[in-house]
Amino acid sequence: LHKSMVAKLIRRQLKVMTLSIGDGANDVSMIQ
């Protein structure tokens, strides 16, 4: 949840394109 919240925060507030890289099930929400 923290990972996805950080990705959403940066995407929403800075209005930049975000890239997430993950290798496990705990990274799925951040990737999406």
All heavy atoms as atom14 arrays in JSON, in Angstrom:
{
  "sequence": "LHKSMVAKLIRRQLKVMTLSIGDGANDVSMIQ",
  "atom14_mask": [
    [1, 1, 1, 1, 1, 1, 1, 1, 0, 0, 0, 0, 0, 0],
    [1, 1, 1, 1, 1, 1, 1, 1, 1, 1, 0, 0, 0, 0],
    [1, 1, 1, 1, 1, 1, 1, 1, 1, 0, 0, 0, 0, 0],
    [1, 1, 1, 1, 1, 1, 0, 0, 0, 0, 0, 0, 0, 0],
    [1, 1, 1, 1, 1, 1, 1, 1, 0, 0, 0, 0, 0, 0],
    [1, 1, 1, 1, 1, 1, 1, 0, 0, 0, 0, 0, 0, 0],
    [1, 1, 1, 1, 1, 0, 0, 0, 0, 0, 0, 0, 0, 0],
    [1, 1, 1, 1, 1, 1, 1, 1, 1, 0, 0, 0, 0, 0],
    [1, 1, 1, 1, 1, 1, 1, 1, 0, 0, 0, 0, 0, 0],
    [1, 1, 1, 1, 1, 1, 1, 1, 0, 0, 0, 0, 0, 0],
    [1, 1, 1, 1, 1, 1, 1, 1, 1, 1, 1, 0, 0, 0],
    [1, 1, 1, 1, 1, 1, 1, 1, 1, 1, 1, 0, 0, 0],
    [1, 1, 1, 1, 1, 1, 1, 1, 1, 0, 0, 0, 0, 0],
    [1, 1, 1, 1, 1, 1, 1, 1, 0, 0, 0, 0, 0, 0],
    [1, 1, 1, 1, 1, 1, 1, 1, 1, 0, 0, 0, 0, 0],
    [1, 1, 1, 1, 1, 1, 1, 0, 0, 0, 0, 0, 0, 0],
    [1, 1, 1, 1, 1, 1, 1, 1, 0, 0, 0, 0, 0, 0],
    [1, 1, 1, 1, 1, 1, 1, 0, 0, 0, 0, 0, 0, 0],
    [1, 1, 1, 1, 1, 1, 1, 1, 0, 0, 0, 0, 0, 0],
    [1, 1, 1, 1, 1, 1, 0, 0, 0, 0, 0, 0, 0, 0],
    [1, 1, 1, 1, 1, 1, 1, 1, 0, 0, 0, 0, 0, 0],
    [1, 1, 1, 1, 0, 0, 0, 0, 0, 0, 0, 0, 0, 0],
    [1, 1, 1, 1, 1, 1, 1, 1, 0, 0, 0, 0, 0, 0],
    [1, 1, 1, 1, 0, 0, 0, 0, 0, 0, 0, 0, 0, 0],
    [1, 1, 1, 1, 1, 0, 0, 0, 0, 0, 0, 0, 0, 0],
    [1, 1, 1, 1, 1, 1, 1, 1, 0, 0, 0, 0, 0, 0],
    [1, 1, 1, 1, 1, 1, 1, 1, 0, 0, 0, 0, 0, 0],
    [1, 1, 1, 1, 1, 1, 1, 0, 0, 0, 0, 0, 0, 0],
    [1, 1, 1, 1, 1, 1, 0, 0, 0, 0, 0, 0, 0, 0],
    [1, 1, 1, 1, 1, 1, 1, 1, 0, 0, 0, 0, 0, 0],
    [1, 1, 1, 1, 1, 1, 1, 1, 0, 0, 0, 0, 0, 0],
    [1, 1, 1, 1, 1, 1, 1, 1, 1, 0, 0, 0, 0, 0]
  ],
  "atom14_positions": [
    [[0.83, -1.21, 0.0], [0.0, 0.0, 0.0], [0.86, 1.26, 0.0], [0.58, 2.22, -0.72], [-0.93, 0.0, 1.22], [-1.85, 1.21, 1.36], [-2.81, 1.28, 0.18], [-2.6, 1.16, 2.67], [0.0, 0.0, 0.0], [0.0, 0.0, 0.0], [0.0, 0.0, 0.0], [0.0, 0.0, 0.0], [0.0, 0.0, 0.0], [0.0, 0.0, 0.0]],
    [[1.93, 1.27, 0.8], [2.83, 2.42, 0.82], [3.48, 2.64, -0.55], [3.6, 3.78, -1.0], [3.92, 2.23, 1.88], [3.45, 2.4, 3.27], [3.92, 1.63, 4.29], [2.54, 3.24, 3.82], [3.34, 1.99, 5.42], [2.48, 2.96, 5.15], [0.0, 0.0, 0.0], [0.0, 0.0, 0.0], [0.0, 0.0, 0.0], [0.0, 0.0, 0.0]],
    [[3.89, 1.56, -1.18], [4.53, 1.67, -2.5], [3.59, 2.3, -3.52], [3.96, 3.19, -4.27], [5.0, 0.3, -2.99], [6.11, -0.3, -2.16], [6.44, -1.68, -2.68], [7.49, -2.35, -1.82], [7.85, -3.69, -2.3], [0.0, 0.0, 0.0], [0.0, 0.0, 0.0], [0.0, 0.0, 0.0], [0.0, 0.0, 0.0], [0.0, 0.0, 0.0]],
    [[2.36, 1.83, -3.54], [1.4, 2.38, -4.51], [1.03, 3.82, -4.14], [0.82, 4.65, -5.04], [0.15, 1.51, -4.59], [-0.59, 1.57, -3.39], [0.0, 0.0, 0.0], [0.0, 0.0, 0.0], [0.0, 0.0, 0.0], [0.0, 0.0, 0.0], [0.0, 0.0, 0.0], [0.0, 0.0, 0.0], [0.0, 0.0, 0.0], [0.0, 0.0, 0.0]],
    [[0.97, 4.14, -2.87], [0.65, 5.52, -2.46], [1.76, 6.49, -2.87], [1.48, 7.62, -3.28], [0.39, 5.57, -0.96], [-0.93, 4.97, -0.55], [-1.17, 4.86, 1.23], [-1.36, 6.56, 1.66], [0.0, 0.0, 0.0], [0.0, 0.0, 0.0], [0.0, 0.0, 0.0], [0.0, 0.0, 0.0], [0.0, 0.0, 0.0], [0.0, 0.0, 0.0]],
    [[3.01, 6.06, -2.77], [4.13, 6.9, -3.21], [4.06, 7.13, -4.72], [4.21, 8.26, -5.2], [5.48, 6.29, -2.79], [6.63, 7.0, -3.46], [5.65, 6.34, -1.28], [0.0, 0.0, 0.0], [0.0, 0.0, 0.0], [0.0, 0.0, 0.0], [0.0, 0.0, 0.0], [0.0, 0.0, 0.0], [0.0, 0.0, 0.0], [0.0, 0.0, 0.0]],
    [[3.8, 6.06, -5.48], [3.7, 6.2, -6.94], [2.54, 7.12, -7.32], [2.69, 8.0, -8.19], [3.53, 4.83, -7.58], [0.0, 0.0, 0.0], [0.0, 0.0, 0.0], [0.0, 0.0, 0.0], [0.0, 0.0, 0.0], [0.0, 0.0, 0.0], [0.0, 0.0, 0.0], [0.0, 0.0, 0.0], [0.0, 0.0, 0.0], [0.0, 0.0, 0.0]],
    [[1.4, 6.96, -6.66], [0.24, 7.82, -6.95], [0.5, 9.26, -6.54], [0.09, 10.2, -7.24], [-1.0, 7.29, -6.24], [-1.56, 6.04, -6.84], [-2.75, 5.55, -6.03], [-3.24, 4.21, -6.54], [-4.32, 3.65, -5.7], [0.0, 0.0, 0.0], [0.0, 0.0, 0.0], [0.0, 0.0, 0.0], [0.0, 0.0, 0.0], [0.0, 0.0, 0.0]],
    [[1.17, 9.46, -5.41], [1.47, 10.81, -4.93], [2.36, 11.55, -5.92], [2.09, 12.7, -6.29], [2.14, 10.75, -3.55], [2.62, 12.06, -2.97], [1.44, 12.92, -2.55], [3.54, 11.81, -1.79], [0.0, 0.0, 0.0], [0.0, 0.0, 0.0], [0.0, 0.0, 0.0], [0.0, 0.0, 0.0], [0.0, 0.0, 0.0], [0.0, 0.0, 0.0]],
    [[3.4, 10.9, -6.36], [4.33, 11.54, -7.31], [3.64, 11.79, -8.64], [3.78, 12.86, -9.24], [5.59, 10.68, -7.48], [6.39, 10.71, -6.17], [6.44, 11.15, -8.64], [7.54, 9.78, -6.12], [0.0, 0.0, 0.0], [0.0, 0.0, 0.0], [0.0, 0.0, 0.0], [0.0, 0.0, 0.0], [0.0, 0.0, 0.0], [0.0, 0.0, 0.0]],
    [[2.87, 10.85, -9.09], [2.16, 11.0, -10.37], [1.13, 12.13, -10.3], [1.01, 12.92, -11.23], [1.47, 9.68, -10.7], [0.78, 9.65, -12.02], [0.22, 8.28, -12.28], [-0.58, 8.29, -13.47], [-1.27, 7.26, -13.91], [-1.25, 6.13, -13.24], [-1.97, 7.36, -15.01], [0.0, 0.0, 0.0], [0.0, 0.0, 0.0], [0.0, 0.0, 0.0]],
    [[0.41, 12.21, -9.19], [-0.67, 13.21, -9.05], [-0.12, 14.6, -8.77], [-0.53, 15.58, -9.4], [-1.61, 12.77, -7.94], [-2.81, 13.68, -7.74], [-3.69, 13.22, -6.58], [-2.97, 13.31, -5.32], [-2.72, 12.29, -4.53], [-3.11, 11.08, -4.85], [-2.05, 12.45, -3.41], [0.0, 0.0, 0.0], [0.0, 0.0, 0.0], [0.0, 0.0, 0.0]],
    [[0.79, 14.73, -7.83], [1.25, 16.05, -7.4], [2.26, 16.67, -8.36], [2.18, 17.85, -8.65], [1.88, 15.97, -6.0], [0.92, 15.57, -4.91], [-0.1, 16.66, -4.61], [0.07, 17.81, -4.97], [-1.16, 16.27, -3.94], [0.0, 0.0, 0.0], [0.0, 0.0, 0.0], [0.0, 0.0, 0.0], [0.0, 0.0, 0.0], [0.0, 0.0, 0.0]],
    [[3.2, 15.9, -8.86], [4.24, 16.44, -9.73], [3.85, 16.42, -11.2], [4.52, 17.05, -12.02], [5.55, 15.68, -9.53], [6.15, 15.72, -8.12], [7.44, 14.94, -8.09], [6.37, 17.15, -7.67], [0.0, 0.0, 0.0], [0.0, 0.0, 0.0], [0.0, 0.0, 0.0], [0.0, 0.0, 0.0], [0.0, 0.0, 0.0], [0.0, 0.0, 0.0]],
    [[2.78, 15.68, -11.52], [2.31, 15.56, -12.9], [3.43, 15.14, -13.85], [3.67, 15.78, -14.88], [1.66, 16.86, -13.35], [0.4, 17.17, -12.57], [-0.27, 18.42, -13.04], [-1.53, 18.78, -12.32], [-1.77, 18.34, -11.02], [0.0, 0.0, 0.0], [0.0, 0.0, 0.0], [0.0, 0.0, 0.0], [0.0, 0.0, 0.0], [0.0, 0.0, 0.0]],
    [[4.13, 14.08, -13.46], [5.21, 13.52, -14.27], [4.86, 12.08, -14.62], [3.97, 11.48, -14.02], [6.56, 13.57, -13.53], [7.01, 14.99, -13.3], [6.5, 12.81, -12.23], [0.0, 0.0, 0.0], [0.0, 0.0, 0.0], [0.0, 0.0, 0.0], [0.0, 0.0, 0.0], [0.0, 0.0, 0.0], [0.0, 0.0, 0.0], [0.0, 0.0, 0.0]],
    [[5.57, 11.54, -15.59], [5.39, 10.14, -15.93], [6.19, 9.29, -14.95], [7.37, 9.55, -14.72], [5.84, 9.87, -17.36], [5.62, 8.43, -17.75], [5.64, 8.14, -19.5], [4.19, 9.0, -20.01], [0.0, 0.0, 0.0], [0.0, 0.0, 0.0], [0.0, 0.0, 0.0], [0.0, 0.0, 0.0], [0.0, 0.0, 0.0], [0.0, 0.0, 0.0]],
    [[5.55, 8.3, -14.39], [6.2, 7.46, -13.38], [6.46, 6.07, -13.95], [5.71, 5.55, -14.76], [5.32, 7.35, -12.13], [4.03, 6.86, -12.5], [5.18, 8.68, -11.44], [0.0, 0.0, 0.0], [0.0, 0.0, 0.0], [0.0, 0.0, 0.0], [0.0, 0.0, 0.0], [0.0, 0.0, 0.0], [0.0, 0.0, 0.0], [0.0, 0.0, 0.0]],
    [[7.55, 5.49, -13.48], [7.96, 4.15, -13.86], [8.17, 3.36, -12.58], [8.89, 3.8, -11.69], [9.26, 4.2, -14.67], [9.96, 2.87, -14.92], [9.24, 2.11, -16.02], [11.4, 3.1, -15.29], [0.0, 0.0, 0.0], [0.0, 0.0, 0.0], [0.0, 0.0, 0.0], [0.0, 0.0, 0.0], [0.0, 0.0, 0.0], [0.0, 0.0, 0.0]],
    [[7.53, 2.21, -12.49], [7.71, 1.33, -11.33], [8.29, 0.01, -11.79], [7.87, -0.55, -12.8], [6.38, 1.08, -10.62], [5.92, 2.26, -10.02], [0.0, 0.0, 0.0], [0.0, 0.0, 0.0], [0.0, 0.0, 0.0], [0.0, 0.0, 0.0], [0.0, 0.0, 0.0], [0.0, 0.0, 0.0], [0.0, 0.0, 0.0], [0.0, 0.0, 0.0]],
    [[9.23, -0.49, -10.99], [9.89, -1.76, -11.3], [9.74, -2.66, -10.08], [10.02, -2.24, -8.96], [11.38, -1.54, -11.61], [11.55, -0.52, -12.73], [12.05, -2.85, -11.98], [12.95, -0.01, -12.88], [0.0, 0.0, 0.0], [0.0, 0.0, 0.0], [0.0, 0.0, 0.0], [0.0, 0.0, 0.0], [0.0, 0.0, 0.0], [0.0, 0.0, 0.0]],
    [[9.28, -3.87, -10.31], [9.11, -4.79, -9.2], [9.33, -6.23, -9.64], [9.28, -6.56, -10.82], [0.0, 0.0, 0.0], [0.0, 0.0, 0.0], [0.0, 0.0, 0.0], [0.0, 0.0, 0.0], [0.0, 0.0, 0.0], [0.0, 0.0, 0.0], [0.0, 0.0, 0.0], [0.0, 0.0, 0.0], [0.0, 0.0, 0.0], [0.0, 0.0, 0.0]],
    [[9.57, -7.09, -8.64], [9.85, -8.49, -8.95], [8.98, -9.46, -8.18], [9.15, -10.67, -8.32], [11.31, -8.81, -8.7], [11.69, -8.69, -7.24], [10.91, -8.1, -6.47], [12.78, -9.17, -6.86], [0.0, 0.0, 0.0], [0.0, 0.0, 0.0], [0.0, 0.0, 0.0], [0.0, 0.0, 0.0], [0.0, 0.0, 0.0], [0.0, 0.0, 0.0]],
    [[8.05, -8.99, -7.37], [7.25, -9.91, -6.58], [5.81, -9.47, -6.46], [5.39, -8.43, -6.97], [0.0, 0.0, 0.0], [0.0, 0.0, 0.0], [0.0, 0.0, 0.0], [0.0, 0.0, 0.0], [0.0, 0.0, 0.0], [0.0, 0.0, 0.0], [0.0, 0.0, 0.0], [0.0, 0.0, 0.0], [0.0, 0.0, 0.0], [0.0, 0.0, 0.0]],
    [[5.03, -10.28, -5.74], [3.61, -10.0, -5.57], [3.38, -8.73, -4.76], [2.36, -8.06, -4.95], [2.93, -11.19, -4.88], [0.0, 0.0, 0.0], [0.0, 0.0, 0.0], [0.0, 0.0, 0.0], [0.0, 0.0, 0.0], [0.0, 0.0, 0.0], [0.0, 0.0, 0.0], [0.0, 0.0, 0.0], [0.0, 0.0, 0.0], [0.0, 0.0, 0.0]],
    [[4.32, -8.37, -3.89], [4.15, -7.16, -3.09], [4.35, -5.89, -3.92], [4.07, -4.79, -3.44], [5.1, -7.17, -1.89], [6.55, -7.27, -2.31], [6.85, -7.64, -3.45], [7.45, -6.97, -1.41], [0.0, 0.0, 0.0], [0.0, 0.0, 0.0], [0.0, 0.0, 0.0], [0.0, 0.0, 0.0], [0.0, 0.0, 0.0], [0.0, 0.0, 0.0]],
    [[4.8, -5.99, -5.15], [5.03, -4.84, -6.01], [3.9, -4.61, -7.01], [3.95, -3.65, -7.78], [6.34, -4.99, -6.77], [7.53, -5.07, -5.85], [7.54, -4.36, -4.83], [8.46, -5.86, -6.13], [0.0, 0.0, 0.0], [0.0, 0.0, 0.0], [0.0, 0.0, 0.0], [0.0, 0.0, 0.0], [0.0, 0.0, 0.0], [0.0, 0.0, 0.0]],
    [[2.9, -5.47, -7.03], [1.85, -5.41, -8.04], [1.08, -4.09, -7.97], [0.85, -3.43, -8.99], [0.89, -6.62, -7.91], [-0.34, -6.44, -8.77], [1.62, -7.88, -8.3], [0.0, 0.0, 0.0], [0.0, 0.0, 0.0], [0.0, 0.0, 0.0], [0.0, 0.0, 0.0], [0.0, 0.0, 0.0], [0.0, 0.0, 0.0], [0.0, 0.0, 0.0]],
    [[0.69, -3.66, -6.79], [-0.09, -2.42, -6.68], [0.74, -1.21, -7.1], [0.21, -0.27, -7.72], [-0.62, -2.24, -5.26], [0.44, -2.19, -4.33], [0.0, 0.0, 0.0], [0.0, 0.0, 0.0], [0.0, 0.0, 0.0], [0.0, 0.0, 0.0], [0.0, 0.0, 0.0], [0.0, 0.0, 0.0], [0.0, 0.0, 0.0], [0.0, 0.0, 0.0]],
    [[2.02, -1.2, -6.81], [2.9, -0.11, -7.23], [3.04, -0.1, -8.75], [3.0, 0.97, -9.38], [4.27, -0.26, -6.58], [5.31, 0.72, -7.05], [6.95, 0.37, -6.42], [7.31, -1.23, -7.13], [0.0, 0.0, 0.0], [0.0, 0.0, 0.0], [0.0, 0.0, 0.0], [0.0, 0.0, 0.0], [0.0, 0.0, 0.0], [0.0, 0.0, 0.0]],
    [[3.2, -1.27, -9.36], [3.33, -1.37, -10.81], [2.06, -0.87, -11.5], [2.12, -0.17, -12.5], [3.67, -2.82, -11.22], [5.1, -3.15, -10.8], [3.46, -3.05, -12.7], [5.47, -4.6, -10.97], [0.0, 0.0, 0.0], [0.0, 0.0, 0.0], [0.0, 0.0, 0.0], [0.0, 0.0, 0.0], [0.0, 0.0, 0.0], [0.0, 0.0, 0.0]],
    [[0.92, -1.21, -10.94], [-0.34, -0.78, -11.54], [-0.63, 0.69, -11.31], [-1.34, 1.31, -12.09], [-1.49, -1.63, -11.01], [-1.43, -3.06, -11.5], [-2.5, -3.94, -10.91], [-3.07, -3.62, -9.88], [-2.77, -5.06, -11.56], [0.0, 0.0, 0.0], [0.0, 0.0, 0.0], [0.0, 0.0, 0.0], [0.0, 0.0, 0.0], [0.0, 0.0, 0.0]]
  ]
}
